[in-house]
C-alpha atoms as a PDB file:
ATOM      1  CA  MET A   1       0.020   0.003  -0.005  1.00  0.00           C
ATOM      2  CA  LYS A   2       2.965   2.366   0.470  1.00  0.00           C
ATOM      3  CA  ILE A   3       3.686   2.201  -3.287  1.00  0.00           C
ATOM      4  CA  LEU A   4       0.114   2.910  -4.083  1.00  0.00           C
ATOM      5  CA  LYS A   5       0.203   5.959  -1.775  1.00  0.00           C
ATOM      6  CA  ASN A   6       3.406   7.328  -3.412  1.00  0.00           C
ATOM      7  CA  VAL A   7       1.984   6.786  -6.883  1.00  0.00           C
ATOM      8  CA  PHE A   8      -1.127   8.775  -5.696  1.00  0.00           C
ATOM      9  CA  PHE A   9       1.120  11.598  -4.551  1.00  0.00           C
ATOM     10  CA  ILE A  10       2.884  11.748  -7.908  1.00  0.00           C
ATOM     11  CA  PHE A  11      -0.515  11.759  -9.622  1.00  0.00           C
ATOM     12  CA  LEU A  12      -1.706  14.502  -7.327  1.00  0.00           C
ATOM     13  CA  VAL A  13       1.418  16.605  -8.091  1.00  0.00           C
ATOM     14  CA  VAL A  14       0.849  16.183 -11.825  1.00  0.00           C
ATOM     15  CA  ILE A  15      -2.735  17.419 -11.412  1.00  0.00           C
ATOM     16  CA  PHE A  16      -1.428  20.396  -9.391  1.00  0.00           C
ATOM     17  CA  SER A  17       1.169  21.192 -11.968  1.00  0.00           C
ATOM     18  CA  TYR A  18      -1.439  21.284 -14.683  1.00  0.00           C
ATOM     19  CA  LEU A  19      -3.790  23.442 -12.721  1.00  0.00           C
ATOM     20  CA  LEU A  20      -1.137  25.870 -11.355  1.00  0.00           C
ATOM     21  CA  SER A  21       1.039  26.063 -14.491  1.00  0.00           C
ATOM     22  CA  HIS A  22      -0.422  29.346 -15.669  1.00  0.00           C
ATOM     23  CA  PRO A  23       0.185  31.337 -12.486  1.00  0.00           C
ATOM     24  CA  PHE A  24       3.707  30.026 -12.026  1.00  0.00           C
ATOM     25  CA  GLY A  25       4.397  30.562 -15.752  1.00  0.00           C
ATOM     26  CA  ASN A  26       3.282  34.209 -15.362  1.00  0.00           C
ATOM     27  CA  ILE A  27       5.817  34.605 -12.518  1.00  0.00           C
ATOM     28  CA  TYR A  28       8.502  33.070 -14.748  1.00  0.00           C
ATOM     29  CA  ALA A  29       7.583  35.357 -17.654  1.00  0.00           C
ATOM     30  CA  THR A  30       7.609  38.409 -15.435  1.00  0.00           C
ATOM     31  CA  ILE A  31      11.044  37.635 -13.988  1.00  0.00           C
ATOM     32  CA  PHE A  32      12.758  36.593 -17.194  1.00  0.00           C
ATOM     33  CA  HIS A  33      10.739  38.627 -19.731  1.00  0.00           C
ATOM     34  CA  ASP A  34      10.117  35.534 -21.811  1.00  0.00           C
ATOM     35  CA  HIS A  35       6.513  35.280 -23.145  1.00  0.00           C
ATOM     36  CA  GLY A  36       7.434  32.980 -26.053  1.00  0.00           C
ATOM     37  CA  SER A  37       7.273  33.535 -29.802  1.00  0.00           C
ATOM     38  CA  PHE A  38       4.573  31.504 -31.475  1.00  0.00           C
ATOM     39  CA  VAL A  39       4.120  29.147 -28.484  1.00  0.00           C
ATOM     40  CA  ASN A  40       2.865  30.342 -25.153  1.00  0.00           C
ATOM     41  CA  ALA A  41       5.913  29.877 -22.945  1.00  0.00           C
ATOM     42  CA  VAL A  42       3.914  30.718 -19.882  1.00  0.00           C
ATOM     43  CA  VAL A  43       2.177  27.386 -19.524  1.00  0.00           C
ATOM     44  CA  ILE A  44       5.142  25.361 -20.903  1.00  0.00           C
ATOM     45  CA  ALA A  45       7.566  26.951 -18.335  1.00  0.00           C
ATOM     46  CA  GLY A  46       5.079  26.878 -15.391  1.00  0.00           C
ATOM     47  CA  ALA A  47       4.330  23.158 -15.354  1.00  0.00           C
ATOM     48  CA  PRO A  48       7.888  21.959 -14.649  1.00  0.00           C
ATOM     49  CA  LEU A  49       8.302  24.680 -12.047  1.00  0.00           C
ATOM     50  CA  VAL A  50       5.235  23.600 -10.146  1.00  0.00           C
ATOM     51  CA  TYR A  51       6.247  19.930 -10.409  1.00  0.00           C
ATOM     52  CA  ILE A  52       9.754  20.609  -9.114  1.00  0.00           C
ATOM     53  CA  LEU A  53       8.353  22.628  -6.301  1.00  0.00           C
ATOM     54  CA  PHE A  54       5.628  20.294  -5.111  1.00  0.00           C
ATOM     55  CA  ILE A  55       7.327  16.880  -5.407  1.00  0.00           C
ATOM     56  CA  PRO A  56       9.805  17.471  -2.539  1.00  0.00           C
ATOM     57  CA  PHE A  57       7.207  19.326  -0.523  1.00  0.00           C
ATOM     58  CA  ILE A  58       4.533  16.566  -0.732  1.00  0.00           C
ATOM     59  CA  PHE A  59       6.988  13.670  -0.210  1.00  0.00           C
ATOM     60  CA  THR A  60       8.727  15.394   2.696  1.00  0.00           C
ATOM     61  CA  ALA A  61       5.413  16.229   4.384  1.00  0.00           C
ATOM     62  CA  PHE A  62       3.565  12.955   3.818  1.00  0.00           C
ATOM     63  CA  GLY A  63       6.072  10.392   2.643  1.00  0.00           C
ATOM     64  CA  ASP A  64       7.073   7.196   4.478  1.00  0.00           C
ATOM     65  CA  LYS A  65      10.474   5.697   5.291  1.00  0.00           C
ATOM     66  CA  LYS A  66      11.945   5.824   1.725  1.00  0.00           C
ATOM     67  CA  LYS A  67      10.333   9.152   0.704  1.00  0.00           C
ATOM     68  CA  TYR A  68      13.596  10.641  -0.685  1.00  0.00           C
ATOM     69  CA  TRP A  69      13.991   7.730  -3.198  1.00  0.00           C
ATOM     70  CA  TRP A  70      10.755   8.939  -4.881  1.00  0.00           C
ATOM     71  CA  ILE A  71      11.938  12.507  -5.138  1.00  0.00           C
END
């Protein structure tokens, strides 16, 4: 059941990264002045930022004994 819980955490973070990619992408675009050319770089840059931010946070807060292996 521990593996299923960790997979659920990863699935939860992927959902968070999809939902919060636009606000974090706007922060990225504001800091680096990069709004993209023909592709909206706001959403493309925001999703990995949210994923990288939330994976260590979720696994550190709710992970079990080998939580750092999943990070």
